[in-house]
Structure formats: C-alpha cells, structure tokens
C-alpha atoms as a PDB file:
ATOM      1  CA  UNK A   1       8.411 -25.927 -49.377  1.00  0.00           C
ATOM      2  CA  UNK A   2       6.354 -23.408 -51.340  1.00  0.00           C
ATOM      3  CA  UNK A   3       3.221 -24.230 -49.303  1.00  0.00           C
ATOM      4  CA  UNK A   4       5.091 -23.847 -46.006  1.00  0.00           C
ATOM      5  CA  UNK A   5       6.446 -20.470 -47.083  1.00  0.00           C
ATOM      6  CA  UNK A   6       2.955 -19.314 -48.042  1.00  0.00           C
ATOM      7  CA  UNK A   7       1.540 -20.480 -44.694  1.00  0.00           C
ATOM      8  CA  UNK A   8       4.274 -18.658 -42.799  1.00  0.00           C
ATOM      9  CA  UNK A   9       3.539 -15.496 -44.744  1.00  0.00           C
ATOM     10  CA  UNK A  10      -0.145 -15.793 -43.877  1.00  0.00           C
ATOM     11  CA  UNK A  11       0.652 -16.272 -40.181  1.00  0.00           C
ATOM     12  CA  UNK A  12       2.999 -13.302 -40.152  1.00  0.00           C
ATOM     13  CA  UNK A  13       0.433 -11.115 -41.878  1.00  0.00           C
ATOM     14  CA  UNK A  14      -2.238 -12.054 -39.299  1.00  0.00           C
ATOM     15  CA  UNK A  15      -0.040 -11.168 -36.288  1.00  0.00           C
ATOM     16  CA  UNK A  16      -0.592  -7.787 -34.757  1.00  0.00           C
ATOM     17  CA  UNK A  17       2.378  -6.067 -33.196  1.00  0.00           C
ATOM     18  CA  UNK A  18       2.041  -3.392 -30.553  1.00  0.00           C
ATOM     19  CA  UNK A  19       4.937  -0.997 -30.241  1.00  0.00           C
ATOM     20  CA  UNK A  20       4.622   1.291 -27.217  1.00  0.00           C
ATOM     21  CA  UNK A  21       5.522   4.935 -27.404  1.00  0.00           C
ATOM     22  CA  UNK A  22       8.574   6.207 -25.577  1.00  0.00           C
ATOM     23  CA  UNK A  23       6.370   7.682 -22.839  1.00  0.00           C
ATOM     24  CA  UNK A  24       4.422   4.418 -22.394  1.00  0.00           C
ATOM     25  CA  UNK A  25       7.639   2.421 -22.240  1.00  0.00           C
ATOM     26  CA  UNK A  26       9.164   4.773 -19.665  1.00  0.00           C
ATOM     27  CA  UNK A  27       5.997   4.600 -17.535  1.00  0.00           C
ATOM     28  CA  UNK A  28       5.948   0.796 -17.704  1.00  0.00           C
ATOM     29  CA  UNK A  29       9.592   0.642 -16.615  1.00  0.00           C
ATOM     30  CA  UNK A  30       8.969   3.155 -13.803  1.00  0.00           C
ATOM     31  CA  UNK A  31       5.979   1.165 -12.577  1.00  0.00           C
ATOM     32  CA  UNK A  32       7.869  -2.145 -12.691  1.00  0.00           C
ATOM     33  CA  UNK A  33      10.866  -0.707 -10.824  1.00  0.00           C
ATOM     34  CA  UNK A  34       8.583   0.886  -8.219  1.00  0.00           C
ATOM     35  CA  UNK A  35       6.721  -2.412  -7.637  1.00  0.00           C
ATOM     36  CA  UNK A  36       9.978  -4.368  -7.407  1.00  0.00           C
ATOM     37  CA  UNK A  37      11.388  -1.946  -4.842  1.00  0.00           C
ATOM     38  CA  UNK A  38       8.195  -1.986  -2.778  1.00  0.00           C
ATOM     39  CA  UNK A  39       8.210  -5.798  -2.715  1.00  0.00           C
ATOM     40  CA  UNK A  40      11.880  -6.329  -1.896  1.00  0.00           C
ATOM     41  CA  UNK A  41      12.861  -3.270   0.161  1.00  0.00           C
ATOM     42  CA  UNK A  42      11.237  -4.311   3.469  1.00  0.00           C
ATOM     43  CA  UNK A  43      13.103  -7.612   3.413  1.00  0.00           C
ATOM     44  CA  UNK A  44      16.391  -5.928   2.545  1.00  0.00           C
ATOM     45  CA  UNK A  45      15.969  -3.394   5.365  1.00  0.00           C
ATOM     46  CA  UNK A  46      15.006  -6.118   7.828  1.00  0.00           C
ATOM     47  CA  UNK A  47      18.036  -8.191   6.857  1.00  0.00           C
ATOM     48  CA  UNK A  48      20.408  -5.210   7.068  1.00  0.00           C
ATOM     49  CA  UNK A  49      19.232  -4.092  10.509  1.00  0.00           C
ATOM     50  CA  UNK A  50      18.905  -7.457  12.233  1.00  0.00           C
ATOM     51  CA  UNK A  51      21.317  -8.837  14.789  1.00  0.00           C
ATOM     52  CA  UNK A  52      23.987 -11.215  13.489  1.00  0.00           C
ATOM     53  CA  UNK A  53      24.137 -13.310  16.678  1.00  0.00           C
ATOM     54  CA  UNK A  54      21.080 -14.459  18.608  1.00  0.00           C
ATOM     55  CA  UNK A  55      20.665 -15.610  22.193  1.00  0.00           C
ATOM     56  CA  UNK A  56      18.823 -18.825  23.041  1.00  0.00           C
ATOM     57  CA  UNK A  57      15.740 -16.825  24.042  1.00  0.00           C
ATOM     58  CA  UNK A  58      15.681 -15.153  20.603  1.00  0.00           C
ATOM     59  CA  UNK A  59      15.947 -18.491  18.821  1.00  0.00           C
ATOM     60  CA  UNK A  60      13.243 -20.044  21.014  1.00  0.00           C
ATOM     61  CA  UNK A  61      10.943 -17.174  20.061  1.00  0.00           C
ATOM     62  CA  UNK A  62      11.705 -17.530  16.348  1.00  0.00           C
ATOM     63  CA  UNK A  63      11.301 -21.320  16.373  1.00  0.00           C
ATOM     64  CA  UNK A  64       8.431 -21.189  18.864  1.00  0.00           C
ATOM     65  CA  UNK A  65      10.019 -23.945  20.914  1.00  0.00           C
ATOM     66  CA  UNK A  66      10.947 -24.612  24.521  1.00  0.00           C
ATOM     67  CA  UNK A  67      14.415 -24.448  26.070  1.00  0.00           C
ATOM     68  CA  UNK A  68      14.651 -28.277  26.323  1.00  0.00           C
ATOM     69  CA  UNK A  69      13.710 -28.641  22.650  1.00  0.00           C
ATOM     70  CA  UNK A  70      16.363 -26.099  21.634  1.00  0.00           C
ATOM     71  CA  UNK A  71      18.855 -28.093  23.722  1.00  0.00           C
ATOM     72  CA  UNK A  72      17.773 -31.230  21.836  1.00  0.00           C
ATOM     73  CA  UNK A  73      18.302 -29.459  18.491  1.00  0.00           C
ATOM     74  CA  UNK A  74      21.814 -28.452  19.591  1.00  0.00           C
ATOM     75  CA  UNK A  75      22.703 -31.895  20.973  1.00  0.00           C
ATOM     76  CA  UNK A  76      21.456 -33.687  17.874  1.00  0.00           C
ATOM     77  CA  UNK A  77      23.394 -31.336  15.577  1.00  0.00           C
ATOM     78  CA  UNK A  78      20.277 -30.101  13.824  1.00  0.00           C
ATOM     79  CA  UNK A  79      20.983 -26.444  14.582  1.00  0.00           C
ATOM     80  CA  UNK A  80      24.514 -25.026  14.646  1.00  0.00           C
ATOM     81  CA  UNK A  81      25.633 -22.880  17.582  1.00  0.00           C
ATOM     82  CA  UNK A  82      28.735 -21.173  18.882  1.00  0.00           C
ATOM     83  CA  UNK A  83      29.812 -21.234  22.496  1.00  0.00           C
ATOM     84  CA  UNK A  84      32.287 -18.996  24.299  1.00  0.00           C
ATOM     85  CA  UNK A  85      32.638 -20.038  27.939  1.00  0.00           C
ATOM     86  CA  UNK A  86      29.004 -20.384  29.057  1.00  0.00           C
ATOM     87  CA  UNK A  87      27.557 -18.048  26.452  1.00  0.00           C
ATOM     88  CA  UNK A  88      25.748 -19.782  23.572  1.00  0.00           C
ATOM     89  CA  UNK A  89      24.969 -17.820  20.421  1.00  0.00           C
ATOM     90  CA  UNK A  90      23.328 -18.703  17.122  1.00  0.00           C
ATOM     91  CA  UNK A  91      24.148 -17.172  13.755  1.00  0.00           C
ATOM     92  CA  UNK A  92      20.947 -15.678  12.314  1.00  0.00           C
ATOM     93  CA  UNK A  93      21.748 -17.032   8.829  1.00  0.00           C
ATOM     94  CA  UNK A  94      22.141 -20.561  10.203  1.00  0.00           C
ATOM     95  CA  UNK A  95      18.835 -20.279  12.093  1.00  0.00           C
ATOM     96  CA  UNK A  96      17.096 -19.165   8.883  1.00  0.00           C
ATOM     97  CA  UNK A  97      18.706 -22.042   7.014  1.00  0.00           C
ATOM     98  CA  UNK A  98      17.402 -24.450   9.672  1.00  0.00           C
ATOM     99  CA  UNK A  99      13.906 -22.989   9.286  1.00  0.00           C
ATOM    100  CA  UNK A 100      14.031 -23.258   5.503  1.00  0.00           C
ATOM    101  CA  UNK A 101      15.181 -26.896   5.671  1.00  0.00           C
ATOM    102  CA  UNK A 102      12.182 -27.649   7.885  1.00  0.00           C
ATOM    103  CA  UNK A 103       9.805 -25.944   5.474  1.00  0.00           C
ATOM    104  CA  UNK A 104      11.222 -27.896   2.536  1.00  0.00           C
ATOM    105  CA  UNK A 105      10.995 -31.185   4.436  1.00  0.00           C
ATOM    106  CA  UNK A 106       7.361 -30.511   5.365  1.00  0.00           C
ATOM    107  CA  UNK A 107       6.493 -29.673   1.757  1.00  0.00           C
ATOM    108  CA  UNK A 108       8.213 -32.813   0.482  1.00  0.00           C
ATOM    109  CA  UNK A 109       6.423 -35.060   2.963  1.00  0.00           C
ATOM    110  CA  UNK A 110       2.982 -33.584   2.185  1.00  0.00           C
ATOM    111  CA  UNK A 111       3.427 -34.139  -1.556  1.00  0.00           C
ATOM    112  CA  UNK A 112       4.779 -37.679  -1.419  1.00  0.00           C
ATOM    113  CA  UNK A 113       2.558 -40.471  -2.775  1.00  0.00           C
END
C-alpha cells in the first residue's frame, strides 16, 4: 500500500493544472453561448415559423415524390394524413418523422453485414 501511495503522489505532482482567470472564463462562456445560439437559432426560427398543416403539393415537394407515390404512401399507412371532406392535410411533425424513419432505415441497411 505504501508503494501505491507513493506512486499516486508522484502522479499528482507531475500533473499540471490550468485555472483560467475570471475574464478568460467569462470569455469562454460567452463564446460557447454565442456558438450554440448561432448553430441552433436558425432551426428554432424555421420550426417556429413553419406551417403546421401541409397540402399534398407541399409534401410532394419535401419528399421529392409524385402524386401517385404519395397516394401509395397514404394507402399503405406509411405516412399519416388527415382528411376533412375532400381536403387532405399532413401534419408537418408527422412528415418529418416519416423522413427521419427513412433516413434511419437507409443507414441501418447500409451498415448491415
């Protein structure tokens, strides 16, 4: 146990510790907050200003698919939709979820043995 204690003391003595000044710490925090805001703010603004309900033409543009393919996705239950009389609408969150499922499936299939 004595040898272990001596080794630990040697390791602790060899470590160098940097303690930033108050000004350096404040600048580091400011910089980190600024970078975080710049990275996440465009997405937050985009999400806050987007439409909640999309028409078929909007979804076809997002998915880059044809009207018959969108019909297939609806009929097969792959993409949720809401219909009032003849008007079909898609919840933007559900469309994004559909897109994300597709991305995950593609990633899984490309990494399988």
